[in-house]
N, C-alpha and C. Protein backbone atom coordinates (compact mmCIF):
# COMPACT_ATOMS: atom_id res chain seq x y z
N MET A 1 18.36 -47.87 -25.46
CA MET A 1 17.72 -48.25 -24.39
C MET A 1 18.39 -48.47 -22.96
N SER A 2 19.89 -48.09 -23.15
CA SER A 2 20.41 -47.95 -22.00
C SER A 2 19.65 -46.34 -20.91
N ASP A 3 19.57 -45.38 -22.26
CA ASP A 3 18.36 -44.51 -21.60
C ASP A 3 17.60 -45.05 -20.61
N ASP A 4 16.60 -45.66 -20.55
CA ASP A 4 15.94 -45.74 -20.13
C ASP A 4 15.54 -46.92 -18.89
N THR A 5 17.35 -47.39 -18.25
CA THR A 5 17.58 -48.20 -17.37
C THR A 5 17.54 -47.49 -15.82
N LEU A 6 16.99 -48.25 -15.02
CA LEU A 6 17.06 -48.17 -14.09
C LEU A 6 17.67 -47.84 -13.26
N GLN A 7 17.86 -46.55 -12.02
CA GLN A 7 18.98 -46.21 -11.78
C GLN A 7 18.60 -45.60 -10.47
N HIS A 8 19.25 -46.54 -9.27
CA HIS A 8 19.21 -45.95 -7.59
C HIS A 8 20.36 -45.56 -7.27
N THR A 9 20.56 -44.24 -7.00
CA THR A 9 21.95 -43.80 -6.46
C THR A 9 21.75 -43.49 -4.86
N GLN A 10 22.09 -44.02 -4.28
CA GLN A 10 22.04 -43.59 -2.87
C GLN A 10 22.80 -42.39 -2.34
N PHE A 11 22.71 -41.62 -1.69
CA PHE A 11 23.56 -40.14 -0.84
C PHE A 11 23.46 -39.93 0.25
N ASP A 12 24.39 -39.26 0.34
CA ASP A 12 24.32 -38.94 2.46
C ASP A 12 25.17 -37.40 1.99
N GLY A 13 23.97 -36.73 2.57
CA GLY A 13 24.79 -34.43 3.14
C GLY A 13 23.83 -34.58 2.10
N VAL A 14 24.02 -32.91 2.68
CA VAL A 14 23.14 -32.25 2.14
C VAL A 14 23.73 -32.02 0.95
N ALA A 15 24.94 -31.58 0.00
CA ALA A 15 25.45 -30.88 -1.48
C ALA A 15 24.79 -32.02 -1.90
N ASP A 16 25.06 -33.42 -1.85
CA ASP A 16 24.54 -34.46 -2.67
C ASP A 16 22.73 -34.90 -2.49
N TYR A 17 22.38 -33.95 -1.93
CA TYR A 17 20.64 -33.75 -1.61
C TYR A 17 20.41 -32.74 -2.99
N ILE A 18 21.01 -32.05 -2.59
CA ILE A 18 21.27 -30.53 -3.29
C ILE A 18 21.21 -30.95 -4.53
N ALA A 19 21.80 -31.68 -5.24
CA ALA A 19 22.74 -32.19 -6.77
C ALA A 19 21.77 -33.31 -6.81
N ALA A 20 21.26 -33.77 -6.20
CA ALA A 20 19.79 -34.84 -6.40
C ALA A 20 18.54 -34.24 -6.51
N LEU A 21 18.32 -32.90 -6.46
CA LEU A 21 17.17 -32.37 -6.55
C LEU A 21 17.42 -31.97 -7.73
N ASP A 22 18.94 -31.18 -7.89
CA ASP A 22 19.01 -30.65 -9.73
C ASP A 22 18.19 -31.10 -10.86
N THR A 23 19.21 -32.73 -10.76
CA THR A 23 18.88 -33.77 -11.41
C THR A 23 17.55 -34.62 -11.56
N VAL A 24 16.53 -34.10 -10.85
CA VAL A 24 15.39 -34.35 -11.30
C VAL A 24 14.73 -33.29 -11.74
N CYS A 25 14.85 -31.98 -11.51
CA CYS A 25 14.02 -31.22 -11.72
C CYS A 25 14.64 -30.72 -13.24
N ALA A 26 15.86 -31.04 -13.10
CA ALA A 26 16.02 -31.25 -14.73
C ALA A 26 15.74 -31.70 -15.46
N SER A 27 15.27 -33.47 -14.89
CA SER A 27 14.49 -34.24 -16.06
C SER A 27 13.18 -33.99 -16.54
N ALA A 28 12.47 -33.17 -15.17
CA ALA A 28 10.82 -32.90 -15.09
C ALA A 28 10.60 -32.27 -16.97
N GLN A 29 9.39 -33.19 -17.50
CA GLN A 29 9.10 -33.08 -18.38
C GLN A 29 8.26 -32.25 -19.00
N HIS A 30 6.72 -32.62 -17.66
CA HIS A 30 5.76 -32.20 -17.58
C HIS A 30 5.17 -31.62 -16.91
N THR A 31 5.32 -32.58 -15.64
CA THR A 31 4.98 -32.22 -14.04
C THR A 31 6.05 -32.07 -13.08
N LEU A 32 6.54 -31.15 -12.37
CA LEU A 32 7.38 -31.91 -10.71
C LEU A 32 6.77 -31.67 -9.75
N ASN A 33 6.96 -32.02 -8.79
CA ASN A 33 6.07 -32.05 -7.34
C ASN A 33 7.14 -32.38 -6.68
N ILE A 34 6.88 -30.84 -5.18
CA ILE A 34 8.36 -31.21 -4.45
C ILE A 34 7.38 -31.13 -3.17
N PHE A 35 7.74 -32.06 -2.13
CA PHE A 35 7.31 -32.32 -1.32
C PHE A 35 8.24 -31.19 0.14
N GLU A 36 8.88 -30.64 1.40
CA GLU A 36 9.63 -29.99 2.09
C GLU A 36 8.94 -30.12 3.09
N GLN A 37 9.87 -29.49 4.49
CA GLN A 37 9.24 -29.66 5.35
C GLN A 37 9.23 -28.03 5.61
N ASN A 38 10.72 -27.42 4.86
CA ASN A 38 10.85 -25.82 4.75
C ASN A 38 11.03 -24.81 3.38
N PHE A 39 11.81 -25.99 2.86
CA PHE A 39 12.30 -25.50 1.72
C PHE A 39 14.12 -24.88 2.20
N GLU A 40 14.10 -24.62 3.36
CA GLU A 40 15.68 -23.97 4.24
C GLU A 40 17.17 -25.01 3.35
N GLU A 41 17.64 -24.33 2.79
CA GLU A 41 19.02 -24.51 2.78
C GLU A 41 18.82 -25.62 1.60
N ILE A 42 18.21 -26.19 0.98
CA ILE A 42 17.88 -27.11 -0.53
C ILE A 42 18.39 -26.59 -1.70
N GLY A 43 19.50 -25.06 -2.08
CA GLY A 43 18.90 -25.18 -2.62
C GLY A 43 17.70 -24.43 -4.18
N PHE A 44 16.63 -23.68 -3.51
CA PHE A 44 16.06 -22.94 -3.67
C PHE A 44 15.78 -21.42 -4.22
N ASN A 45 16.92 -20.75 -3.68
CA ASN A 45 16.58 -19.06 -3.89
C ASN A 45 18.05 -19.31 -4.64
N SER A 46 18.65 -21.06 -5.51
CA SER A 46 20.10 -20.56 -6.35
C SER A 46 19.62 -20.02 -7.48
N GLU A 47 20.67 -19.36 -8.41
CA GLU A 47 20.90 -18.98 -9.72
C GLU A 47 20.45 -20.15 -10.58
N ALA A 48 21.21 -21.56 -10.11
CA ALA A 48 21.20 -22.69 -11.38
C ALA A 48 19.68 -23.08 -10.51
N ARG A 49 19.27 -23.59 -9.44
CA ARG A 49 17.72 -23.76 -10.05
C ARG A 49 16.63 -22.79 -10.37
N TYR A 50 17.04 -21.86 -10.10
CA TYR A 50 15.58 -20.50 -10.80
C TYR A 50 15.61 -20.76 -12.27
N ASP A 51 17.09 -20.74 -12.66
CA ASP A 51 17.46 -21.44 -14.39
C ASP A 51 16.60 -22.76 -15.35
N THR A 52 17.21 -23.50 -13.70
CA THR A 52 16.31 -24.68 -14.80
C THR A 52 14.55 -24.60 -14.31
N LEU A 53 13.69 -24.46 -13.33
CA LEU A 53 12.31 -24.74 -12.95
C LEU A 53 12.04 -23.23 -14.69
N ARG A 54 12.41 -22.38 -14.23
CA ARG A 54 12.11 -21.62 -15.64
C ARG A 54 12.19 -21.44 -17.00
N ARG A 55 13.25 -22.78 -17.72
CA ARG A 55 12.87 -23.42 -18.37
C ARG A 55 11.96 -23.98 -18.67
N PHE A 56 11.54 -25.20 -17.38
CA PHE A 56 11.29 -25.90 -17.48
C PHE A 56 8.83 -25.83 -17.72
N LEU A 57 9.57 -24.13 -17.14
CA LEU A 57 8.37 -23.78 -17.23
C LEU A 57 7.87 -23.03 -18.08
N LEU A 58 8.97 -22.31 -18.77
CA LEU A 58 8.90 -22.06 -19.85
C LEU A 58 8.39 -22.86 -21.44
N ALA A 59 8.85 -23.90 -20.91
CA ALA A 59 8.75 -25.37 -22.17
C ALA A 59 7.41 -25.63 -22.48
N SER A 60 6.57 -25.52 -22.08
CA SER A 60 5.31 -25.88 -22.51
C SER A 60 4.24 -25.11 -20.89
N ALA A 61 2.92 -24.54 -21.88
CA ALA A 61 2.31 -23.93 -20.77
C ALA A 61 1.50 -25.05 -20.40
N ILE A 62 1.65 -26.19 -20.32
CA ILE A 62 0.67 -27.44 -19.44
C ILE A 62 2.03 -27.79 -18.47
N ASN A 63 2.76 -27.37 -18.42
CA ASN A 63 3.65 -27.50 -16.97
C ASN A 63 3.66 -27.27 -15.93
N ARG A 64 3.46 -28.35 -14.75
CA ARG A 64 3.19 -27.65 -13.79
C ARG A 64 4.46 -27.98 -12.72
N LEU A 65 4.26 -26.93 -11.69
CA LEU A 65 5.88 -26.57 -10.38
C LEU A 65 4.39 -26.68 -9.63
N ASN A 66 4.86 -27.61 -8.60
CA ASN A 66 3.41 -28.18 -7.22
C ASN A 66 4.71 -28.02 -6.07
N LEU A 67 4.97 -26.55 -5.59
CA LEU A 67 5.65 -26.99 -4.12
C LEU A 67 4.79 -27.21 -2.92
N LEU A 68 5.11 -27.93 -2.08
CA LEU A 68 4.70 -28.86 -0.80
C LEU A 68 5.34 -28.51 0.48
N ALA A 69 4.86 -27.45 1.28
CA ALA A 69 5.45 -27.49 2.60
C ALA A 69 4.93 -27.61 4.11
N HIS A 70 5.42 -27.85 4.68
CA HIS A 70 4.52 -27.70 6.32
C HIS A 70 5.13 -26.40 6.74
N ASP A 71 5.93 -25.69 6.16
CA ASP A 71 5.91 -24.14 6.53
C ASP A 71 7.01 -23.82 5.68
N PRO A 72 6.35 -22.84 4.81
CA PRO A 72 6.52 -22.53 3.44
C PRO A 72 7.18 -20.79 2.76
N GLN A 73 6.79 -21.09 4.30
CA GLN A 73 8.02 -19.35 5.13
C GLN A 73 9.66 -18.50 4.78
N HIS A 74 9.64 -19.79 4.55
CA HIS A 74 11.40 -19.18 3.68
C HIS A 74 11.08 -19.21 2.71
N LEU A 75 10.59 -20.11 2.12
CA LEU A 75 10.80 -20.13 0.84
C LEU A 75 9.93 -18.82 0.31
N ILE A 76 9.02 -18.04 1.15
CA ILE A 76 8.01 -16.75 1.07
C ILE A 76 8.45 -15.97 0.71
N ARG A 77 9.67 -15.52 1.82
CA ARG A 77 10.53 -14.88 2.35
C ARG A 77 11.70 -14.22 2.08
N TYR A 78 12.45 -16.00 1.53
CA TYR A 78 13.88 -15.92 1.73
C TYR A 78 13.99 -16.09 0.43
N CYS A 79 13.17 -16.10 -0.24
CA CYS A 79 13.41 -17.61 -1.72
C CYS A 79 12.72 -15.82 -2.49
N PRO A 80 13.39 -15.23 -3.08
CA PRO A 80 12.69 -13.69 -4.18
C PRO A 80 12.79 -14.30 -5.25
N ARG A 81 13.58 -15.87 -5.70
CA ARG A 81 13.60 -16.22 -7.07
C ARG A 81 12.59 -17.01 -7.48
N MET A 82 11.99 -17.64 -6.64
CA MET A 82 10.71 -18.61 -6.13
C MET A 82 9.72 -17.87 -6.59
N MET A 83 10.18 -16.68 -5.86
CA MET A 83 8.58 -15.58 -5.92
C MET A 83 8.51 -15.11 -7.14
N MET A 84 9.52 -14.54 -7.81
CA MET A 84 9.83 -14.10 -9.30
C MET A 84 8.85 -15.43 -9.66
N LEU A 85 9.73 -16.64 -9.79
CA LEU A 85 9.01 -17.33 -10.71
C LEU A 85 6.95 -17.45 -10.57
N LEU A 86 6.98 -17.34 -9.42
CA LEU A 86 5.30 -17.39 -8.75
C LEU A 86 4.41 -16.81 -9.61
N ARG A 87 5.42 -15.96 -9.39
CA ARG A 87 4.70 -14.33 -9.66
C ARG A 87 4.67 -14.46 -11.38
N GLN A 88 5.70 -15.39 -12.03
CA GLN A 88 5.60 -14.68 -13.80
C GLN A 88 4.59 -16.39 -14.42
N PHE A 89 4.35 -17.00 -13.45
CA PHE A 89 3.52 -18.33 -14.36
C PHE A 89 2.83 -19.05 -12.87
N GLY A 90 1.52 -17.85 -12.79
CA GLY A 90 1.16 -18.13 -11.49
C GLY A 90 -0.08 -19.14 -11.99
N HIS A 91 -0.31 -19.47 -13.77
CA HIS A 91 -1.09 -20.54 -13.73
C HIS A 91 -0.93 -22.05 -13.67
N SER A 92 0.96 -21.84 -13.70
CA SER A 92 1.14 -23.14 -13.76
C SER A 92 2.48 -23.64 -12.09
N MET A 93 2.80 -22.46 -11.14
CA MET A 93 3.12 -22.59 -10.44
C MET A 93 2.46 -22.19 -9.31
N TYR A 94 2.12 -23.15 -8.05
CA TYR A 94 1.85 -22.64 -7.09
C TYR A 94 2.70 -23.69 -5.87
N ILE A 95 2.22 -22.81 -4.89
CA ILE A 95 2.92 -22.86 -3.36
C ILE A 95 2.15 -23.75 -2.36
N TYR A 96 1.78 -24.62 -2.02
CA TYR A 96 0.97 -24.75 -1.10
C TYR A 96 1.07 -25.27 0.33
N GLN A 97 0.33 -24.77 1.71
CA GLN A 97 1.19 -25.14 2.92
C GLN A 97 0.17 -26.91 3.68
N THR A 98 0.36 -27.55 3.54
CA THR A 98 0.21 -28.50 4.49
C THR A 98 -0.58 -28.66 5.82
N PRO A 99 -1.54 -28.89 6.11
CA PRO A 99 -3.10 -28.87 7.35
C PRO A 99 -1.70 -29.61 8.88
N GLN A 100 -2.60 -29.19 9.89
CA GLN A 100 -2.15 -29.91 10.72
C GLN A 100 -1.85 -31.37 10.38
N SER A 101 -3.27 -31.76 10.73
CA SER A 101 -3.14 -33.20 10.41
C SER A 101 -2.10 -33.21 9.85
N LEU A 102 -1.29 -33.14 8.54
CA LEU A 102 -0.58 -33.90 8.60
C LEU A 102 1.09 -33.43 8.85
N GLN A 103 1.64 -32.98 9.44
CA GLN A 103 2.25 -32.04 9.99
C GLN A 103 3.78 -33.75 9.87
N HIS A 104 2.84 -34.51 10.70
CA HIS A 104 3.49 -35.35 10.79
C HIS A 104 4.37 -36.27 9.97
N ILE A 105 3.87 -36.19 8.79
CA ILE A 105 4.82 -36.58 7.45
C ILE A 105 6.40 -36.37 7.59
N SER A 106 7.25 -36.93 7.83
CA SER A 106 8.77 -36.80 7.92
C SER A 106 9.74 -36.80 6.64
N GLU A 107 9.01 -37.45 5.89
CA GLU A 107 10.39 -38.23 4.57
C GLU A 107 10.42 -37.04 3.23
N PRO A 108 11.12 -35.91 3.08
CA PRO A 108 10.39 -34.54 1.68
C PRO A 108 10.97 -36.14 0.43
N PHE A 109 10.22 -35.18 -0.42
CA PHE A 109 10.20 -36.07 -1.78
C PHE A 109 10.24 -35.01 -2.97
N ALA A 110 11.28 -35.35 -3.75
CA ALA A 110 10.52 -34.54 -5.41
C ALA A 110 10.40 -35.97 -6.32
N VAL A 111 9.46 -35.54 -7.38
CA VAL A 111 8.98 -36.45 -8.29
C VAL A 111 8.61 -35.52 -9.96
N ALA A 112 9.62 -36.22 -10.44
CA ALA A 112 9.20 -35.37 -12.05
C ALA A 112 8.89 -36.87 -12.81
N ASP A 113 7.43 -35.91 -13.41
CA ASP A 113 6.36 -36.57 -14.65
C ASP A 113 6.31 -37.81 -13.30
N ASP A 114 6.41 -39.12 -14.07
CA ASP A 114 6.21 -40.51 -12.85
C ASP A 114 7.76 -41.72 -13.48
N ALA A 115 8.65 -40.66 -13.30
CA ALA A 115 9.49 -41.41 -13.81
C ALA A 115 10.44 -40.97 -13.22
N HIS A 116 11.00 -40.51 -11.98
CA HIS A 116 11.98 -39.92 -11.90
C HIS A 116 11.88 -39.16 -10.19
N TYR A 117 12.36 -39.63 -9.34
CA TYR A 117 12.19 -39.40 -7.99
C TYR A 117 13.85 -38.93 -6.98
N VAL A 118 13.57 -37.79 -6.15
CA VAL A 118 14.76 -38.13 -5.37
C VAL A 118 13.88 -38.39 -3.50
N ARG A 119 14.36 -38.89 -2.96
CA ARG A 119 14.03 -38.68 -1.48
C ARG A 119 14.33 -39.04 -0.27
N ARG A 120 14.25 -38.17 0.91
CA ARG A 120 14.81 -38.78 1.87
C ARG A 120 14.13 -39.24 3.32
N TYR A 121 15.42 -40.17 3.40
CA TYR A 121 14.14 -40.82 4.66
C TYR A 121 13.44 -39.99 5.76
N HIS A 122 13.93 -39.36 6.17
CA HIS A 122 13.73 -37.67 7.31
C HIS A 122 14.05 -36.85 6.98
N PHE A 123 13.69 -35.75 7.39
CA PHE A 123 13.47 -34.08 7.49
C PHE A 123 15.01 -34.05 7.70
N ASP A 124 14.99 -34.87 9.11
CA ASP A 124 16.41 -34.38 9.46
C ASP A 124 17.72 -35.65 9.46
N ASP A 125 17.47 -36.10 8.18
CA ASP A 125 18.51 -37.01 7.86
C ASP A 125 18.92 -36.68 6.36
N THR A 126 20.58 -36.73 6.79
CA THR A 126 20.93 -36.46 4.61
C THR A 126 21.19 -37.56 4.34
N ARG A 127 21.24 -38.59 4.92
CA ARG A 127 20.61 -39.69 3.37
C ARG A 127 19.55 -40.02 2.65
N GLY A 128 19.53 -40.55 1.60
CA GLY A 128 17.85 -40.41 0.62
C GLY A 128 18.74 -41.62 -0.44
N LEU A 129 17.57 -41.56 -1.87
CA LEU A 129 17.69 -42.15 -2.90
C LEU A 129 18.01 -41.39 -4.09
N LEU A 130 18.14 -41.26 -5.54
CA LEU A 130 17.68 -40.68 -6.24
C LEU A 130 18.16 -41.46 -7.05
N ALA A 131 16.54 -41.38 -8.31
CA ALA A 131 15.79 -42.87 -9.03
C ALA A 131 15.61 -42.11 -10.28
N MET A 132 16.36 -42.83 -11.26
CA MET A 132 16.34 -42.55 -12.56
C MET A 132 15.68 -43.94 -13.21
N HIS A 133 13.98 -43.94 -13.81
CA HIS A 133 13.55 -44.22 -14.72
C HIS A 133 12.58 -45.61 -13.70
N ASP A 134 12.49 -45.52 -12.70
CA ASP A 134 11.98 -45.84 -11.71
C ASP A 134 9.88 -45.59 -11.82
N PRO A 135 9.39 -45.94 -12.75
CA PRO A 135 7.93 -45.70 -12.68
C PRO A 135 6.90 -45.94 -11.84
N GLU A 136 7.41 -46.93 -10.95
CA GLU A 136 6.39 -47.56 -10.47
C GLU A 136 6.70 -46.94 -9.13
N GLU A 137 7.47 -46.79 -8.42
CA GLU A 137 7.40 -45.93 -6.99
C GLU A 137 7.49 -44.35 -7.51
N ALA A 138 7.51 -43.64 -8.13
CA ALA A 138 7.09 -42.51 -9.44
C ALA A 138 6.41 -42.06 -8.80
N ARG A 139 5.31 -43.69 -10.10
CA ARG A 139 4.34 -42.75 -9.54
C ARG A 139 3.49 -42.90 -7.66
N ARG A 140 4.18 -44.08 -7.01
CA ARG A 140 3.70 -44.42 -6.15
C ARG A 140 4.14 -42.96 -4.89
N LEU A 141 4.67 -42.09 -5.20
CA LEU A 141 5.37 -41.26 -4.42
C LEU A 141 4.25 -39.92 -5.11
N ASN A 142 3.93 -39.97 -6.17
CA ASN A 142 2.78 -38.91 -7.33
C ASN A 142 1.82 -39.31 -6.46
N SER A 143 0.75 -40.73 -5.80
CA SER A 143 -0.15 -40.67 -5.78
C SER A 143 -0.08 -40.36 -4.50
N ARG A 144 0.57 -40.22 -3.72
CA ARG A 144 0.90 -39.65 -1.87
C ARG A 144 1.09 -38.18 -1.91
N PHE A 145 1.72 -37.65 -2.46
CA PHE A 145 1.67 -36.02 -3.22
C PHE A 145 0.69 -35.84 -3.10
N HIS A 146 -0.03 -36.13 -4.28
CA HIS A 146 -1.73 -35.67 -4.84
C HIS A 146 -2.78 -36.09 -3.56
N GLU A 147 -2.18 -37.13 -2.78
CA GLU A 147 -3.32 -37.20 -0.98
C GLU A 147 -3.17 -35.96 0.07
N MET A 148 -1.47 -35.85 -0.02
CA MET A 148 -1.33 -34.56 0.52
C MET A 148 -1.39 -32.81 0.19
N TRP A 149 -1.83 -33.02 -1.09
CA TRP A 149 -2.01 -31.63 -2.04
C TRP A 149 -3.46 -31.66 -1.76
N ALA A 150 -4.20 -32.62 -2.01
CA ALA A 150 -6.05 -32.15 -1.64
C ALA A 150 -6.38 -32.18 -0.44
N SER A 151 -5.54 -32.23 0.54
CA SER A 151 -5.61 -31.60 2.03
C SER A 151 -5.51 -30.61 2.55
N SER A 152 -4.80 -30.11 0.93
CA SER A 152 -3.55 -28.93 2.27
C SER A 152 -4.06 -27.47 0.85
N HIS A 153 -3.35 -26.27 1.39
CA HIS A 153 -4.67 -25.11 0.78
C HIS A 153 -3.60 -24.27 -0.59
N PRO A 154 -3.19 -23.48 -0.90
CA PRO A 154 -2.63 -22.66 -1.28
C PRO A 154 -2.15 -21.90 0.04
N CYS A 155 -0.55 -21.05 -0.23
CA CYS A 155 -0.46 -20.11 0.45
C CYS A 155 0.44 -19.13 0.46
N ALA A 156 0.91 -18.73 -1.18
CA ALA A 156 1.91 -18.59 -1.58
C ALA A 156 1.39 -18.05 -2.43
N SER A 157 0.78 -16.16 -3.43
CA SER A 157 0.64 -16.15 -4.57
C SER A 157 1.30 -15.52 -5.61
N GLY A 158 1.15 -15.32 -6.59
CA GLY A 158 2.35 -14.22 -7.54
C GLY A 158 1.41 -13.20 -7.70
N THR A 159 0.08 -12.67 -7.00
CA THR A 159 0.39 -11.02 -6.74
C THR A 159 -0.12 -10.46 -5.57
N THR A 160 0.12 -9.54 -5.56
CA THR A 160 -0.10 -8.95 -4.09
C THR A 160 -1.40 -8.18 -3.62
N LEU A 161 -2.44 -9.17 -3.68
CA LEU A 161 -3.88 -8.78 -3.43
C LEU A 161 -4.13 -9.22 -3.03
N GLY A 162 -4.70 -8.68 -1.33
CA GLY A 162 -4.43 -9.05 -0.25
C GLY A 162 -3.67 -8.63 1.05
N LEU A 163 -2.34 -8.04 0.74
CA LEU A 163 -1.41 -8.52 1.34
C LEU A 163 -1.40 -6.21 2.75
């Protein structure tokens, strides 16, 4: 039973945030929703993150990886591993950009399923919280993510059509 015990861990620092993101990514069973300002300097081109996300997407055809950014250009231009995933899993991985009307939102977060999450208090703040087995807050963050997603638009494709 201790396996499902609520765990909150505070962190401070980019390395701790990257480790917390890795934990949340590895814990995803069905859905992984990630909101960031621009995905810079947080490990999205690392081989380890690529392997984790690839395993997640290979585990089931219904698994979903949703990446949402104010500015996705770093992800698109400088994260070739993420673009390889997008090409291979275009049916289950999506990259969206927020509209101007949402650019004021400044708290990045990632949610695995309706159970685990990591969030920072602000884009410019390296402090945050890793939460495991916290379905109430995970559902709230997922709801927020879906509201933002509904107003956003696709900004990257696994194909080269239109380029």
